[in-house]
């Protein structure tokens, strides 16, 4: 529980620092992008702290290119 709180506090600190900078320069689109990426990163951080099973993007790439690799190298398995 403490680790989740630590991740959330770190995310809140980052948002507090960046919010001011982006608002002063009136960068609305960048602010929305920052919030979206921060939300995704915080969610992944909390999931990692809770030891949830997070899919690895490399596994998806491997599944996608496995038939091509078999075709090139002649592996039938």
N, C-alpha and C. Protein backbone atom coordinates (compact mmCIF):
# COMPACT_ATOMS: atom_id res chain seq x y z
N UNK A 1 0.82 -1.19 0.00
CA UNK A 1 0.00 0.00 0.00
C UNK A 1 0.86 1.26 0.00
N UNK A 2 1.95 1.20 0.74
CA UNK A 2 2.84 2.37 0.80
C UNK A 2 3.50 2.64 -0.55
N UNK A 3 3.80 1.57 -1.27
CA UNK A 3 4.44 1.75 -2.57
C UNK A 3 3.49 2.42 -3.56
N UNK A 4 2.22 2.05 -3.50
CA UNK A 4 1.22 2.67 -4.37
C UNK A 4 1.12 4.16 -4.05
N UNK A 5 1.09 4.48 -2.77
CA UNK A 5 1.02 5.87 -2.34
C UNK A 5 2.26 6.64 -2.80
N UNK A 6 3.41 6.00 -2.74
CA UNK A 6 4.65 6.64 -3.19
C UNK A 6 4.62 6.92 -4.69
N UNK A 7 4.11 5.98 -5.48
CA UNK A 7 3.99 6.19 -6.93
C UNK A 7 3.03 7.35 -7.21
N UNK A 8 1.91 7.38 -6.51
CA UNK A 8 0.93 8.44 -6.72
C UNK A 8 1.48 9.81 -6.29
N UNK A 9 2.23 9.84 -5.20
CA UNK A 9 2.84 11.11 -4.76
C UNK A 9 3.90 11.59 -5.76
N UNK A 10 4.68 10.66 -6.30
CA UNK A 10 5.67 11.04 -7.30
C UNK A 10 4.99 11.59 -8.55
N UNK A 11 3.92 10.96 -8.98
CA UNK A 11 3.18 11.44 -10.16
C UNK A 11 2.58 12.81 -9.88
N UNK A 12 2.03 13.00 -8.67
CA UNK A 12 1.45 14.30 -8.32
C UNK A 12 2.52 15.39 -8.30
N UNK A 13 3.70 15.07 -7.82
CA UNK A 13 4.79 16.04 -7.80
C UNK A 13 5.21 16.42 -9.22
N UNK A 14 5.30 15.44 -10.09
CA UNK A 14 5.67 15.71 -11.48
C UNK A 14 4.61 16.57 -12.16
N UNK A 15 3.35 16.25 -11.93
CA UNK A 15 2.26 17.04 -12.52
C UNK A 15 2.30 18.47 -11.99
N UNK A 16 2.53 18.63 -10.69
CA UNK A 16 2.57 19.97 -10.10
C UNK A 16 3.69 20.82 -10.71
N UNK A 17 4.82 20.21 -10.97
CA UNK A 17 5.95 20.94 -11.55
C UNK A 17 5.68 21.30 -13.00
N UNK A 18 5.21 20.34 -13.77
CA UNK A 18 5.01 20.56 -15.20
C UNK A 18 3.79 21.40 -15.51
N UNK A 19 2.76 21.31 -14.69
CA UNK A 19 1.51 22.05 -14.91
C UNK A 19 1.79 23.54 -15.04
N UNK A 20 2.54 24.06 -14.09
CA UNK A 20 2.84 25.49 -14.05
C UNK A 20 3.55 25.93 -15.33
N UNK A 21 4.54 25.17 -15.73
CA UNK A 21 5.32 25.51 -16.92
C UNK A 21 4.46 25.50 -18.18
N UNK A 22 3.63 24.49 -18.33
CA UNK A 22 2.80 24.38 -19.53
C UNK A 22 1.69 25.43 -19.56
N UNK A 23 1.14 25.76 -18.41
CA UNK A 23 0.08 26.77 -18.35
C UNK A 23 0.62 28.18 -18.62
N UNK A 24 1.83 28.46 -18.13
CA UNK A 24 2.42 29.78 -18.36
C UNK A 24 2.67 30.03 -19.84
N UNK A 25 3.05 28.96 -20.56
CA UNK A 25 3.32 29.10 -21.99
C UNK A 25 2.08 28.85 -22.84
N UNK A 26 0.94 28.59 -22.19
CA UNK A 26 -0.34 28.37 -22.87
C UNK A 26 -0.27 27.24 -23.91
N UNK A 27 0.31 26.14 -23.50
CA UNK A 27 0.44 24.97 -24.38
C UNK A 27 -0.63 23.95 -24.02
N UNK A 28 -1.83 24.19 -24.52
CA UNK A 28 -2.99 23.35 -24.16
C UNK A 28 -2.86 21.92 -24.70
N UNK A 29 -2.47 21.78 -25.96
CA UNK A 29 -2.36 20.46 -26.57
C UNK A 29 -1.27 19.63 -25.87
N UNK A 30 -0.16 20.28 -25.58
CA UNK A 30 0.93 19.59 -24.89
C UNK A 30 0.52 19.20 -23.47
N UNK A 31 -0.32 20.03 -22.85
CA UNK A 31 -0.80 19.73 -21.50
C UNK A 31 -1.66 18.48 -21.51
N UNK A 32 -2.57 18.37 -22.47
CA UNK A 32 -3.40 17.17 -22.58
C UNK A 32 -2.57 15.92 -22.87
N UNK A 33 -1.57 16.08 -23.75
CA UNK A 33 -0.69 14.96 -24.07
C UNK A 33 0.09 14.54 -22.83
N UNK A 34 0.60 15.52 -22.10
CA UNK A 34 1.34 15.23 -20.87
C UNK A 34 0.46 14.48 -19.87
N UNK A 35 -0.78 14.95 -19.68
CA UNK A 35 -1.67 14.28 -18.74
C UNK A 35 -1.98 12.85 -19.17
N UNK A 36 -2.18 12.64 -20.45
CA UNK A 36 -2.46 11.30 -20.95
C UNK A 36 -1.28 10.37 -20.70
N UNK A 37 -0.08 10.82 -21.07
CA UNK A 37 1.11 9.99 -20.87
C UNK A 37 1.41 9.78 -19.39
N UNK A 38 1.16 10.81 -18.58
CA UNK A 38 1.37 10.68 -17.14
C UNK A 38 0.38 9.68 -16.55
N UNK A 39 -0.85 9.69 -17.01
CA UNK A 39 -1.86 8.74 -16.54
C UNK A 39 -1.47 7.31 -16.90
N UNK A 40 -1.01 7.11 -18.14
CA UNK A 40 -0.59 5.78 -18.57
C UNK A 40 0.62 5.32 -17.74
N UNK A 41 1.59 6.20 -17.57
CA UNK A 41 2.78 5.85 -16.80
C UNK A 41 2.47 5.57 -15.34
N UNK A 42 1.61 6.37 -14.75
CA UNK A 42 1.23 6.14 -13.36
C UNK A 42 0.46 4.84 -13.21
N UNK A 43 -0.42 4.56 -14.16
CA UNK A 43 -1.18 3.30 -14.11
C UNK A 43 -0.25 2.10 -14.21
N UNK A 44 0.71 2.16 -15.11
CA UNK A 44 1.68 1.07 -15.24
C UNK A 44 2.55 0.95 -14.00
N UNK A 45 2.90 2.09 -13.40
CA UNK A 45 3.69 2.07 -12.17
C UNK A 45 2.94 1.42 -11.02
N UNK A 46 1.68 1.77 -10.88
CA UNK A 46 0.85 1.16 -9.82
C UNK A 46 0.67 -0.33 -10.09
N UNK A 47 0.44 -0.70 -11.33
CA UNK A 47 0.28 -2.12 -11.67
C UNK A 47 1.56 -2.90 -11.38
N UNK A 48 2.69 -2.29 -11.65
CA UNK A 48 3.97 -2.94 -11.37
C UNK A 48 4.18 -3.11 -9.87
N UNK A 49 3.84 -2.09 -9.10
CA UNK A 49 3.98 -2.17 -7.64
C UNK A 49 3.06 -3.24 -7.07
N UNK A 50 1.88 -3.39 -7.63
CA UNK A 50 0.94 -4.40 -7.17
C UNK A 50 1.24 -5.79 -7.75
N UNK A 51 2.30 -5.88 -8.53
CA UNK A 51 2.74 -7.13 -9.16
C UNK A 51 1.66 -7.78 -10.03
N UNK A 52 0.96 -6.94 -10.78
CA UNK A 52 -0.02 -7.44 -11.73
C UNK A 52 0.70 -7.89 -13.00
N UNK A 53 0.10 -8.79 -13.72
CA UNK A 53 0.70 -9.29 -14.96
C UNK A 53 0.49 -8.25 -16.06
N UNK A 54 1.58 -7.61 -16.48
CA UNK A 54 1.53 -6.58 -17.51
C UNK A 54 2.06 -7.21 -18.80
N UNK A 55 1.29 -7.18 -19.89
CA UNK A 55 1.76 -7.78 -21.14
C UNK A 55 2.98 -7.03 -21.67
N UNK A 56 3.89 -7.79 -22.23
CA UNK A 56 5.12 -7.25 -22.79
C UNK A 56 4.92 -6.99 -24.28
N UNK A 57 5.15 -5.78 -24.76
CA UNK A 57 4.97 -5.50 -26.19
C UNK A 57 5.90 -6.32 -27.08
N UNK A 58 7.04 -6.74 -26.56
CA UNK A 58 7.96 -7.56 -27.34
C UNK A 58 7.34 -8.92 -27.68
N UNK A 59 6.52 -9.44 -26.79
CA UNK A 59 5.82 -10.71 -27.07
C UNK A 59 4.88 -10.56 -28.26
N UNK A 60 4.18 -9.43 -28.33
CA UNK A 60 3.26 -9.18 -29.44
C UNK A 60 4.04 -9.08 -30.76
N UNK A 61 5.17 -8.41 -30.74
CA UNK A 61 5.98 -8.27 -31.94
C UNK A 61 6.50 -9.63 -32.37
N UNK A 62 6.91 -10.45 -31.42
CA UNK A 62 7.40 -11.79 -31.72
C UNK A 62 6.32 -12.64 -32.37
N UNK A 63 5.10 -12.59 -31.86
CA UNK A 63 3.99 -13.35 -32.45
C UNK A 63 3.69 -12.85 -33.86
N UNK A 64 3.77 -11.55 -34.05
CA UNK A 64 3.47 -10.95 -35.35
C UNK A 64 4.49 -11.37 -36.42
N UNK A 65 5.77 -11.40 -36.06
CA UNK A 65 6.81 -11.67 -37.04
C UNK A 65 7.26 -13.13 -37.09
N UNK A 66 6.74 -13.98 -36.23
CA UNK A 66 7.13 -15.40 -36.22
C UNK A 66 6.84 -16.09 -37.56
N UNK A 67 5.67 -15.90 -38.19
CA UNK A 67 5.45 -16.55 -39.49
C UNK A 67 6.43 -16.08 -40.56
N UNK A 68 6.78 -14.82 -40.56
CA UNK A 68 7.75 -14.29 -41.53
C UNK A 68 9.13 -14.90 -41.29
N UNK A 69 9.49 -15.02 -40.02
CA UNK A 69 10.77 -15.63 -39.68
C UNK A 69 10.83 -17.08 -40.11
N UNK A 70 9.73 -17.81 -39.90
CA UNK A 70 9.66 -19.21 -40.33
C UNK A 70 9.77 -19.33 -41.85
N UNK A 71 9.17 -18.40 -42.56
CA UNK A 71 9.23 -18.42 -44.01
C UNK A 71 10.64 -18.17 -44.51
N UNK A 72 11.34 -17.21 -43.90
CA UNK A 72 12.69 -16.86 -44.33
C UNK A 72 13.70 -17.94 -43.98
N UNK A 73 13.63 -18.42 -42.75
CA UNK A 73 14.63 -19.39 -42.29
C UNK A 73 14.23 -20.83 -42.50
N UNK A 74 13.05 -21.09 -42.99
CA UNK A 74 12.61 -22.43 -43.33
C UNK A 74 12.25 -23.30 -42.13
N UNK A 75 11.98 -22.67 -40.99
CA UNK A 75 11.57 -23.44 -39.81
C UNK A 75 10.10 -23.79 -39.95
N UNK A 76 9.77 -25.03 -39.68
CA UNK A 76 8.36 -25.42 -39.78
C UNK A 76 7.67 -25.36 -38.43
N UNK A 77 8.40 -25.16 -37.37
CA UNK A 77 7.78 -25.16 -36.03
C UNK A 77 7.37 -23.83 -35.59
